[in-house]
Amino acid sequence: MMGIRIACFILMVVITPYGWYTWVFGAAACVLPYIAVVLANVGSDVQRTEVITPERALPVAASSHPAPAPGGAPTLRIEEARALDERRPEADGPA
């Protein structure tokens, strides 16, 4: 495309007498870079992408709790909230 643009610039200046074709060569020399950039960006590398949810890709972590140390200080354990269908019913809840 740049070779055609340079040729348009040269023909615009060299061909005499100047007339309507001079304007055509000038317009082509100005518009061709835009067309070249658009064609380069739209190339054939367009792919359709699928949405992949990360929740299905992550493995389920097994909940194993270490045994408390004998005679040691009490251990503070912090857990994340479980999903609604996995929660254990309260054993000593108010009745």
N, C-alpha and C. Protein backbone atom coordinates (compact mmCIF):
# COMPACT_ATOMS: atom_id res chain seq x y z
N MET A 1 0.82 -1.20 0.00
CA MET A 1 0.00 0.00 0.00
C MET A 1 0.86 1.27 0.00
N MET A 2 1.99 1.22 0.72
CA MET A 2 2.82 2.43 0.78
C MET A 2 3.47 2.71 -0.57
N GLY A 3 3.75 1.67 -1.33
CA GLY A 3 4.29 1.87 -2.68
C GLY A 3 3.29 2.58 -3.58
N ILE A 4 2.02 2.19 -3.47
CA ILE A 4 0.96 2.84 -4.25
C ILE A 4 0.82 4.29 -3.81
N ARG A 5 0.94 4.54 -2.50
CA ARG A 5 0.83 5.91 -2.00
C ARG A 5 1.95 6.79 -2.56
N ILE A 6 3.16 6.27 -2.55
CA ILE A 6 4.29 7.04 -3.09
C ILE A 6 4.10 7.30 -4.58
N ALA A 7 3.60 6.29 -5.29
CA ALA A 7 3.34 6.48 -6.72
C ALA A 7 2.28 7.56 -6.94
N CYS A 8 1.27 7.60 -6.07
CA CYS A 8 0.23 8.64 -6.20
C CYS A 8 0.82 10.03 -5.97
N PHE A 9 1.71 10.16 -4.98
CA PHE A 9 2.35 11.45 -4.74
C PHE A 9 3.18 11.87 -5.96
N ILE A 10 3.94 10.93 -6.50
CA ILE A 10 4.79 11.26 -7.66
C ILE A 10 3.93 11.63 -8.86
N LEU A 11 2.89 10.84 -9.14
CA LEU A 11 2.02 11.14 -10.29
C LEU A 11 1.28 12.46 -10.11
N MET A 12 0.94 12.78 -8.85
CA MET A 12 0.23 14.03 -8.58
C MET A 12 1.10 15.23 -8.97
N VAL A 13 2.39 15.12 -8.76
CA VAL A 13 3.29 16.25 -9.04
C VAL A 13 3.78 16.24 -10.49
N VAL A 14 4.03 15.05 -11.04
CA VAL A 14 4.70 14.95 -12.34
C VAL A 14 3.74 15.18 -13.51
N ILE A 15 2.55 14.62 -13.44
CA ILE A 15 1.63 14.69 -14.58
C ILE A 15 1.12 16.13 -14.74
N THR A 16 1.34 16.69 -15.93
CA THR A 16 0.85 18.03 -16.24
C THR A 16 0.02 17.97 -17.51
N PRO A 17 -0.87 18.76 -17.79
CA PRO A 17 -1.43 19.86 -17.00
C PRO A 17 -2.26 19.31 -15.85
N TYR A 18 -2.29 20.07 -14.79
CA TYR A 18 -3.03 19.65 -13.60
C TYR A 18 -4.53 19.70 -13.88
N GLY A 19 -5.23 18.70 -13.39
CA GLY A 19 -6.67 18.63 -13.63
C GLY A 19 -7.34 17.81 -12.53
N TRP A 20 -8.48 17.21 -12.86
CA TRP A 20 -9.24 16.46 -11.86
C TRP A 20 -8.46 15.24 -11.36
N TYR A 21 -7.65 14.63 -12.23
CA TYR A 21 -6.88 13.45 -11.84
C TYR A 21 -5.80 13.79 -10.81
N THR A 22 -5.35 15.05 -10.78
CA THR A 22 -4.42 15.47 -9.74
C THR A 22 -5.08 15.35 -8.37
N TRP A 23 -6.34 15.75 -8.28
CA TRP A 23 -7.08 15.64 -7.02
C TRP A 23 -7.32 14.16 -6.65
N VAL A 24 -7.54 13.31 -7.65
CA VAL A 24 -7.74 11.88 -7.39
C VAL A 24 -6.47 11.28 -6.82
N PHE A 25 -5.32 11.59 -7.42
CA PHE A 25 -4.05 11.08 -6.90
C PHE A 25 -3.78 11.61 -5.49
N GLY A 26 -4.08 12.88 -5.25
CA GLY A 26 -3.88 13.46 -3.91
C GLY A 26 -4.78 12.82 -2.87
N ALA A 27 -6.04 12.60 -3.24
CA ALA A 27 -6.98 11.95 -2.30
C ALA A 27 -6.55 10.51 -2.03
N ALA A 28 -6.10 9.81 -3.06
CA ALA A 28 -5.64 8.44 -2.87
C ALA A 28 -4.42 8.40 -1.95
N ALA A 29 -3.52 9.35 -2.10
CA ALA A 29 -2.33 9.40 -1.26
C ALA A 29 -2.69 9.69 0.20
N CYS A 30 -3.79 10.40 0.43
CA CYS A 30 -4.21 10.70 1.80
C CYS A 30 -5.04 9.58 2.42
N VAL A 31 -5.83 8.88 1.63
CA VAL A 31 -6.76 7.88 2.15
C VAL A 31 -6.11 6.50 2.27
N LEU A 32 -5.14 6.19 1.44
CA LEU A 32 -4.55 4.85 1.46
C LEU A 32 -3.93 4.45 2.80
N PRO A 33 -3.28 5.32 3.57
CA PRO A 33 -2.76 4.88 4.88
C PRO A 33 -3.88 4.45 5.82
N TYR A 34 -5.01 5.13 5.81
CA TYR A 34 -6.14 4.75 6.65
C TYR A 34 -6.65 3.36 6.26
N ILE A 35 -6.80 3.13 4.98
CA ILE A 35 -7.28 1.83 4.50
C ILE A 35 -6.29 0.73 4.88
N ALA A 36 -4.99 1.00 4.77
CA ALA A 36 -3.97 0.01 5.12
C ALA A 36 -4.03 -0.35 6.60
N VAL A 37 -4.22 0.64 7.46
CA VAL A 37 -4.29 0.38 8.90
C VAL A 37 -5.54 -0.42 9.25
N VAL A 38 -6.66 -0.08 8.65
CA VAL A 38 -7.90 -0.81 8.92
C VAL A 38 -7.78 -2.25 8.45
N LEU A 39 -7.23 -2.48 7.28
CA LEU A 39 -7.06 -3.84 6.78
C LEU A 39 -6.08 -4.64 7.65
N ALA A 40 -5.05 -4.00 8.16
CA ALA A 40 -4.09 -4.70 9.01
C ALA A 40 -4.71 -5.08 10.35
N ASN A 41 -5.59 -4.24 10.89
CA ASN A 41 -6.20 -4.52 12.19
C ASN A 41 -7.33 -5.52 12.11
N VAL A 42 -7.97 -5.66 10.97
CA VAL A 42 -9.12 -6.54 10.84
C VAL A 42 -8.68 -7.93 10.39
N GLY A 43 -7.45 -8.20 10.22
CA GLY A 43 -6.91 -9.45 9.69
C GLY A 43 -7.72 -10.71 9.94
N SER A 44 -7.20 -11.83 9.55
CA SER A 44 -7.91 -13.10 9.64
C SER A 44 -7.73 -13.78 10.98
N ASP A 45 -7.17 -13.12 11.97
CA ASP A 45 -6.93 -13.75 13.26
C ASP A 45 -8.10 -13.57 14.23
N VAL A 46 -9.27 -13.28 13.73
CA VAL A 46 -10.44 -13.11 14.58
C VAL A 46 -10.91 -14.49 15.03
N GLN A 47 -11.07 -14.66 16.35
CA GLN A 47 -11.51 -15.93 16.91
C GLN A 47 -12.73 -15.70 17.76
N ARG A 48 -13.57 -16.69 17.82
CA ARG A 48 -14.72 -16.63 18.72
C ARG A 48 -14.28 -17.22 20.05
N THR A 49 -14.47 -16.47 21.10
CA THR A 49 -14.05 -16.94 22.42
C THR A 49 -15.26 -17.38 23.22
N GLU A 50 -15.05 -18.36 24.08
CA GLU A 50 -16.10 -18.85 24.94
C GLU A 50 -15.85 -18.37 26.36
N VAL A 51 -16.92 -18.17 27.08
CA VAL A 51 -16.80 -17.77 28.47
C VAL A 51 -16.60 -19.03 29.30
N ILE A 52 -15.55 -19.03 30.10
CA ILE A 52 -15.26 -20.17 30.96
C ILE A 52 -15.40 -19.69 32.40
N THR A 53 -16.29 -20.33 33.14
CA THR A 53 -16.48 -19.93 34.53
C THR A 53 -15.38 -20.53 35.38
N PRO A 54 -14.73 -19.74 36.22
CA PRO A 54 -13.64 -20.26 37.03
C PRO A 54 -14.12 -21.19 38.14
N GLU A 55 -15.38 -21.12 38.52
CA GLU A 55 -15.86 -21.95 39.61
C GLU A 55 -15.82 -23.43 39.24
N ARG A 56 -16.10 -23.75 38.01
CA ARG A 56 -16.07 -25.15 37.60
C ARG A 56 -14.64 -25.66 37.43
N ALA A 57 -13.71 -24.78 37.19
CA ALA A 57 -12.33 -25.20 36.98
C ALA A 57 -11.59 -25.41 38.29
N LEU A 58 -12.04 -24.78 39.37
CA LEU A 58 -11.35 -24.90 40.65
C LEU A 58 -11.74 -26.20 41.34
N PRO A 59 -10.76 -26.95 41.86
CA PRO A 59 -11.09 -28.18 42.58
C PRO A 59 -11.69 -27.86 43.95
N VAL A 60 -12.51 -28.78 44.43
CA VAL A 60 -13.11 -28.61 45.75
C VAL A 60 -12.07 -28.99 46.79
N ALA A 61 -11.82 -28.10 47.72
CA ALA A 61 -10.82 -28.36 48.76
C ALA A 61 -11.43 -29.25 49.84
N ALA A 62 -10.68 -30.26 50.22
CA ALA A 62 -11.12 -31.14 51.30
C ALA A 62 -10.93 -30.42 52.62
N SER A 63 -11.93 -30.52 53.49
CA SER A 63 -11.79 -29.83 54.77
C SER A 63 -11.26 -30.82 55.80
N SER A 64 -9.99 -30.74 56.03
CA SER A 64 -9.38 -31.58 57.06
C SER A 64 -8.83 -30.66 58.14
N HIS A 65 -9.17 -30.96 59.37
CA HIS A 65 -8.75 -30.11 60.48
C HIS A 65 -7.70 -30.86 61.29
N PRO A 66 -6.59 -30.23 61.59
CA PRO A 66 -5.56 -30.90 62.37
C PRO A 66 -6.03 -31.11 63.82
N ALA A 67 -5.54 -32.14 64.42
CA ALA A 67 -5.90 -32.43 65.82
C ALA A 67 -5.23 -31.41 66.73
N PRO A 68 -5.89 -31.01 67.80
CA PRO A 68 -5.27 -30.04 68.71
C PRO A 68 -4.05 -30.64 69.41
N ALA A 69 -3.10 -29.79 69.70
CA ALA A 69 -1.88 -30.24 70.37
C ALA A 69 -2.21 -30.61 71.82
N PRO A 70 -1.71 -31.75 72.31
CA PRO A 70 -2.01 -32.13 73.69
C PRO A 70 -1.31 -31.21 74.68
N GLY A 71 -2.08 -30.70 75.63
CA GLY A 71 -1.53 -29.85 76.68
C GLY A 71 -1.11 -28.47 76.19
N GLY A 72 -1.38 -28.14 74.98
CA GLY A 72 -0.96 -26.85 74.43
C GLY A 72 -2.04 -25.80 74.61
N ALA A 73 -1.78 -24.63 74.11
CA ALA A 73 -2.73 -23.53 74.20
C ALA A 73 -3.89 -23.81 73.25
N PRO A 74 -5.08 -23.27 73.54
CA PRO A 74 -6.20 -23.48 72.64
C PRO A 74 -5.89 -22.88 71.26
N THR A 75 -6.38 -23.52 70.25
CA THR A 75 -6.13 -23.10 68.87
C THR A 75 -7.35 -22.37 68.34
N LEU A 76 -7.13 -21.24 67.73
CA LEU A 76 -8.20 -20.47 67.10
C LEU A 76 -8.25 -20.88 65.63
N ARG A 77 -9.41 -21.34 65.18
CA ARG A 77 -9.55 -21.79 63.80
C ARG A 77 -10.59 -20.91 63.12
N ILE A 78 -10.25 -20.41 61.91
CA ILE A 78 -11.16 -19.56 61.14
C ILE A 78 -11.49 -20.29 59.85
N GLU A 79 -12.79 -20.44 59.58
CA GLU A 79 -13.23 -21.09 58.36
C GLU A 79 -14.05 -20.12 57.53
N GLU A 80 -14.04 -20.34 56.24
CA GLU A 80 -14.92 -19.57 55.37
C GLU A 80 -16.32 -20.12 55.50
N ALA A 81 -17.30 -19.30 55.21
CA ALA A 81 -18.68 -19.75 55.26
C ALA A 81 -18.91 -20.81 54.19
N ARG A 82 -19.65 -21.83 54.54
CA ARG A 82 -19.94 -22.89 53.59
C ARG A 82 -21.14 -22.49 52.74
N ALA A 83 -21.32 -23.19 51.66
CA ALA A 83 -22.47 -22.93 50.81
C ALA A 83 -23.75 -23.29 51.56
N LEU A 84 -24.88 -22.71 51.17
CA LEU A 84 -26.12 -22.92 51.90
C LEU A 84 -26.53 -24.39 51.98
N ASP A 85 -26.32 -25.15 50.94
CA ASP A 85 -26.74 -26.54 50.96
C ASP A 85 -25.78 -27.44 51.72
N GLU A 86 -24.60 -26.95 52.09
CA GLU A 86 -23.62 -27.75 52.81
C GLU A 86 -23.58 -27.44 54.30
N ARG A 87 -24.31 -26.46 54.77
CA ARG A 87 -24.23 -26.07 56.18
C ARG A 87 -24.82 -27.14 57.08
N ARG A 88 -24.18 -27.32 58.21
CA ARG A 88 -24.66 -28.28 59.20
C ARG A 88 -25.72 -27.60 60.06
N PRO A 89 -26.76 -28.31 60.42
CA PRO A 89 -27.77 -27.70 61.34
C PRO A 89 -27.16 -27.48 62.71
N GLU A 90 -27.61 -26.43 63.34
CA GLU A 90 -27.13 -26.10 64.69
C GLU A 90 -27.60 -27.16 65.68
N ALA A 91 -26.67 -27.75 66.44
CA ALA A 91 -27.02 -28.79 67.40
C ALA A 91 -27.62 -28.23 68.66
N ASP A 92 -27.08 -27.13 69.18
CA ASP A 92 -27.53 -26.56 70.44
C ASP A 92 -28.23 -25.21 70.23
N GLY A 93 -29.05 -25.11 69.28
CA GLY A 93 -29.74 -23.84 68.99
C GLY A 93 -30.90 -23.65 69.94
N PRO A 94 -31.38 -22.40 70.09
CA PRO A 94 -32.52 -22.14 70.98
C PRO A 94 -33.80 -22.79 70.44
N ALA A 95 -34.59 -23.31 71.33
CA ALA A 95 -35.80 -24.01 70.90
C ALA A 95 -37.05 -23.24 71.22
